[in-house]
Structure formats: structure tokens, C-alpha cells
Amino acid sequence: MSVLPLVFTSGWASGINAYAVVLVLGVFGATGLTDEVPESLQRTDVLIAAAVLFACEAVADKIPYVDSVWDSAHTVIRPVSGAVVAALLAGHSGSLPDLAAGAIGGSTALASHAVKAGTRMAVNTSPEPFSNIAVSIAEDLGVAGILTFAMFNPQAAAIIAAVLLVSGLVVLWFLVSRIRRFLRRRAQRREERTLARSELPPPG
């Protein structure tokens, strides 16, 4: 069970930015700073792919409404990534069954993804783009910082991740009205686009 704190922390981080998790863990393993990272996450092709996808997310995540579309597309990707990374970490250490680790990592990633996606919907109700940029930067720094901390003090990092997850769920509960407002605006925009296309004159 010694790998459980790292499994939990990586699952929480995967729900926020799965590509950053693979990249950070892979770099730590490839540079020899830790022995906790399996070789499959240290491969050059995996690191390059994670870096490219992380760069794409770093851009999309800071644009209002585009970030919510990106989150929607990653509703499956982030929990699956969290489960796979957790299973790899557990299998590498041999201290936690792969299936149990995958369940912990995947469910934690799904919960933190829900917090991230819901928070972004609420943030997108504000008219200015700066809040999106600030929240995105804070998320990226938080993932990198807590994962780095987890390499050296996994128990404390897991406690921090758990507090952030619970706090995020509580905040999300209070943001329900703003999320509903975001969903209404998005539905209204879709109706306006559909109406505009229907009013276009026929070709020719």
C-alpha cells in the first residue's frame, strides 16, 4: 500500500491535466530523480507526445468557452489516463493490485475533472478572459508543484490533493447557479447559429 498516496495524487492531477501528469512523471523518471516511475512513462515517444498535447491544452485551456469544449472532449480521456497511470505506478512498485490502483486513480481523476470542468463553466459566465488565464495557470502550477512534492513526500502531497478535491467539490456546489447560466448561454448560442444558417439564401 506504500504507493497509494502517489496513486491518489496522480489521479487527482490527471483529472486536471492528464498530459502534465505523464510529462512530469516521465521527466522525473528519465532524469533518475526517482525510482517510482515505470519505464513505460519514461519513453521518448511518450514524453514527446505528452509535451505536444500539454502545449495544445495550455493554449485551449486559457480561451473562454474553448476551455469548456476541451473539457467536454476530455471527460473520458482524463479518468482513463488517471486509471492507467495509477495502474502503472502500482504495478511498478508491486505494493498495490493494478485493478484497485486503476479504480482509485480513475475515480479520483473523474472527481477532479468534474470540479475543473464545472469551475470553468462558472468562470466563463464572466465577460473578461483574464480569469480563465489566471485559473488555468494556477491549475498547471498546482499540478506540477503537488506532483513534484509527491515524489519526495507522497503522504503529505496526498493530503493536500484530498483537501483540494473536497474544497473544489464544495465550491462547485455553490457555483451551480452560474454553471446553469453558462449552459443556458451555450444553448442560446447554438439556437442562434442554427437560426442564422436556416435564414441563409439557397446556393445558386
Protein backbone atom coordinates (compact mmCIF):
# COMPACT_ATOMS: atom_id res chain seq x y z
CA MET A 1 0.00 0.00 0.00
CA SER A 2 3.04 2.31 0.09
CA VAL A 3 2.27 3.60 -3.42
CA LEU A 4 -1.35 4.51 -2.57
CA PRO A 5 -0.63 8.20 -1.75
CA LEU A 6 1.15 8.67 -5.10
CA VAL A 7 -1.67 6.84 -6.90
CA PHE A 8 -4.26 9.14 -5.33
CA THR A 9 -2.26 12.30 -6.06
CA SER A 10 -1.61 11.32 -9.67
CA GLY A 11 -5.32 10.55 -10.10
CA TRP A 12 -6.30 13.97 -8.75
CA ALA A 13 -3.76 15.67 -11.02
CA SER A 14 -4.86 13.64 -14.08
CA GLY A 15 -8.38 14.98 -13.72
CA ILE A 16 -7.00 18.49 -14.11
CA ASN A 17 -4.26 17.97 -16.71
CA ALA A 18 -3.54 14.38 -17.70
CA TYR A 19 -0.78 15.33 -20.14
CA ALA A 20 1.09 17.29 -17.48
CA VAL A 21 0.99 14.25 -15.19
CA VAL A 22 2.55 11.96 -17.81
CA LEU A 23 5.12 14.62 -18.70
CA VAL A 24 6.15 15.44 -15.12
CA LEU A 25 6.32 11.81 -14.00
CA GLY A 26 8.19 10.81 -17.15
CA VAL A 27 10.78 13.56 -16.76
CA PHE A 28 11.34 12.65 -13.11
CA GLY A 29 11.85 9.03 -14.05
CA ALA A 30 14.02 9.70 -17.11
CA THR A 31 16.35 12.01 -15.19
CA GLY A 32 16.79 9.46 -12.41
CA LEU A 33 15.37 11.69 -9.69
CA THR A 34 13.03 8.89 -8.59
CA ASP A 35 12.65 5.14 -8.97
CA GLU A 36 8.86 5.23 -8.56
CA VAL A 37 8.11 5.89 -12.23
CA PRO A 38 7.77 2.89 -14.58
CA GLU A 39 9.88 2.82 -17.75
CA SER A 40 6.80 2.98 -19.99
CA LEU A 41 6.24 6.59 -18.87
CA GLN A 42 9.90 7.47 -19.49
CA ARG A 43 9.97 6.57 -23.18
CA THR A 44 11.00 9.36 -25.53
CA ASP A 45 7.94 8.99 -27.77
CA VAL A 46 5.62 9.13 -24.76
CA LEU A 47 7.33 12.27 -23.44
CA ILE A 48 7.19 13.99 -26.84
CA ALA A 49 3.51 13.17 -27.30
CA ALA A 50 2.72 14.34 -23.76
CA ALA A 51 4.66 17.59 -24.32
CA VAL A 52 2.83 18.35 -27.59
CA LEU A 53 -0.59 17.61 -26.10
CA PHE A 54 0.27 19.61 -22.99
CA ALA A 55 1.15 22.59 -25.21
CA CYS A 56 -2.20 22.25 -27.01
CA GLU A 57 -4.05 22.13 -23.69
CA ALA A 58 -2.07 25.10 -22.34
CA VAL A 59 -3.48 27.21 -25.21
CA ALA A 60 -7.04 25.83 -25.34
CA ASP A 61 -7.39 25.95 -21.57
CA LYS A 62 -6.97 29.73 -21.47
CA ILE A 63 -9.60 30.69 -24.06
CA PRO A 64 -13.15 31.28 -22.76
CA TYR A 65 -15.65 28.64 -23.93
CA VAL A 66 -12.93 26.80 -25.85
CA ASP A 67 -11.73 25.51 -22.47
CA SER A 68 -15.17 24.04 -21.76
CA VAL A 69 -15.27 22.35 -25.18
CA TRP A 70 -11.81 20.92 -24.43
CA ASP A 71 -13.00 19.72 -21.02
CA SER A 72 -16.01 18.02 -22.60
CA ALA A 73 -13.74 16.17 -25.03
CA HIS A 74 -11.59 15.01 -22.10
CA THR A 75 -14.40 13.69 -19.90
CA VAL A 76 -13.32 10.17 -20.79
CA ILE A 77 -9.64 10.80 -21.53
CA ARG A 78 -8.69 12.19 -18.11
CA PRO A 79 -10.25 9.43 -15.94
CA VAL A 80 -8.85 6.74 -18.25
CA SER A 81 -5.42 8.36 -18.13
CA GLY A 82 -5.64 8.60 -14.34
CA ALA A 83 -6.52 4.90 -14.12
CA VAL A 84 -3.72 3.84 -16.49
CA VAL A 85 -1.06 5.93 -14.74
CA ALA A 86 -2.21 4.64 -11.34
CA ALA A 87 -2.09 1.02 -12.53
CA LEU A 88 1.40 1.53 -13.97
CA LEU A 89 2.64 3.08 -10.73
CA ALA A 90 1.16 0.27 -8.67
CA GLY A 91 2.43 -2.45 -10.98
CA HIS A 92 5.89 -0.94 -10.94
CA SER A 93 6.04 -0.95 -7.15
CA GLY A 94 4.21 -4.24 -6.67
CA SER A 95 2.58 -2.92 -3.49
CA LEU A 96 -0.99 -2.42 -4.72
CA PRO A 97 -3.05 -4.56 -7.16
CA ASP A 98 -3.32 -2.98 -10.60
CA LEU A 99 -7.13 -3.18 -10.68
CA ALA A 100 -7.52 -1.46 -7.31
CA ALA A 101 -4.99 1.21 -8.27
CA GLY A 102 -6.77 1.84 -11.56
CA ALA A 103 -10.11 2.21 -9.77
CA ILE A 104 -8.63 4.69 -7.28
CA GLY A 105 -6.79 6.71 -9.91
CA GLY A 106 -9.69 6.73 -12.36
CA SER A 107 -12.39 7.67 -9.85
CA THR A 108 -10.22 10.40 -8.33
CA ALA A 109 -9.45 11.76 -11.78
CA LEU A 110 -13.16 11.77 -12.66
CA ALA A 111 -13.99 13.72 -9.49
CA SER A 112 -11.27 16.33 -10.03
CA HIS A 113 -12.22 16.60 -13.72
CA ALA A 114 -15.80 17.36 -12.67
CA VAL A 115 -14.52 20.12 -10.39
CA LYS A 116 -12.33 21.58 -13.13
CA ALA A 117 -14.99 21.45 -15.84
CA GLY A 118 -17.71 22.85 -13.58
CA THR A 119 -15.49 25.64 -12.31
CA ARG A 120 -14.61 26.62 -15.86
CA MET A 121 -18.28 26.83 -16.80
CA ALA A 122 -18.80 29.20 -13.89
CA VAL A 123 -15.74 31.27 -14.80
CA ASN A 124 -16.97 31.55 -18.40
CA THR A 125 -20.02 33.48 -17.22
CA SER A 126 -17.71 36.46 -16.58
CA PRO A 127 -17.28 38.78 -19.60
CA GLU A 128 -13.48 39.15 -19.38
CA PRO A 129 -10.90 36.50 -20.39
CA PHE A 130 -8.32 37.18 -17.66
CA SER A 131 -9.99 34.96 -15.05
CA ASN A 132 -9.68 31.99 -17.43
CA ILE A 133 -5.97 32.63 -17.87
CA ALA A 134 -5.39 33.03 -14.13
CA VAL A 135 -7.30 29.85 -13.26
CA SER A 136 -5.51 27.87 -15.98
CA ILE A 137 -2.06 28.99 -14.84
CA ALA A 138 -2.95 28.19 -11.22
CA GLU A 139 -4.07 24.70 -12.24
CA ASP A 140 -0.91 23.99 -14.24
CA LEU A 141 1.35 25.22 -11.45
CA GLY A 142 -0.66 23.31 -8.86
CA VAL A 143 -0.40 20.03 -10.76
CA ALA A 144 3.34 20.41 -11.34
CA GLY A 145 4.01 21.55 -7.78
CA ILE A 146 2.00 18.87 -5.99
CA LEU A 147 3.33 16.07 -8.22
CA THR A 148 6.86 17.25 -7.57
CA PHE A 149 6.15 17.34 -3.85
CA ALA A 150 4.63 13.84 -4.10
CA MET A 151 7.92 12.46 -5.40
CA PHE A 152 9.59 13.34 -2.10
CA ASN A 153 6.70 13.35 0.39
CA PRO A 154 3.81 11.34 -1.06
CA GLN A 155 1.72 11.20 2.14
CA ALA A 156 1.68 14.97 2.62
CA ALA A 157 1.02 15.54 -1.09
CA ALA A 158 -1.93 13.13 -0.98
CA ILE A 159 -3.41 15.02 1.98
CA ILE A 160 -3.08 18.31 0.07
CA ALA A 161 -4.69 16.76 -3.01
CA ALA A 162 -7.55 15.39 -0.90
CA VAL A 163 -8.16 18.79 0.70
CA LEU A 164 -8.15 20.48 -2.71
CA LEU A 165 -10.53 17.88 -4.11
CA VAL A 166 -13.02 18.20 -1.26
CA SER A 167 -12.76 22.00 -1.31
CA GLY A 168 -13.32 22.00 -5.06
CA LEU A 169 -16.45 19.87 -4.73
CA VAL A 170 -17.80 22.22 -2.07
CA VAL A 171 -17.08 25.28 -4.24
CA LEU A 172 -18.67 23.53 -7.21
CA TRP A 173 -21.86 23.06 -5.21
CA PHE A 174 -22.06 26.80 -4.62
CA LEU A 175 -21.38 27.54 -8.30
CA VAL A 176 -24.33 25.51 -9.59
CA SER A 177 -26.35 28.64 -10.49
CA ARG A 178 -23.50 30.08 -12.56
CA ILE A 179 -23.00 26.74 -14.30
CA ARG A 180 -26.69 26.67 -15.23
CA ARG A 181 -26.31 30.20 -16.61
CA PHE A 182 -23.36 29.04 -18.74
CA LEU A 183 -25.37 26.10 -20.10
CA ARG A 184 -28.30 28.40 -20.96
CA ARG A 185 -25.98 30.78 -22.81
CA ARG A 186 -24.41 27.92 -24.77
CA ALA A 187 -27.83 26.55 -25.73
CA GLN A 188 -28.92 30.03 -26.80
CA ARG A 189 -25.84 30.45 -28.98
CA ARG A 190 -26.49 27.11 -30.65
CA GLU A 191 -30.08 28.15 -31.39
CA GLU A 192 -28.88 31.48 -32.83
CA ARG A 193 -26.36 29.74 -35.10
CA THR A 194 -28.99 27.25 -36.25
CA LEU A 195 -31.44 30.06 -36.97
CA ALA A 196 -28.80 32.06 -38.87
CA ARG A 197 -27.97 29.07 -41.08
CA SER A 198 -31.66 28.44 -41.79
CA GLU A 199 -32.11 32.05 -42.94
CA LEU A 200 -29.25 31.90 -45.48
CA PRO A 201 -30.44 32.03 -49.13
CA PRO A 202 -30.12 28.77 -51.08
CA PRO A 203 -26.96 28.45 -53.22
CA GLY A 204 -27.22 29.40 -56.87
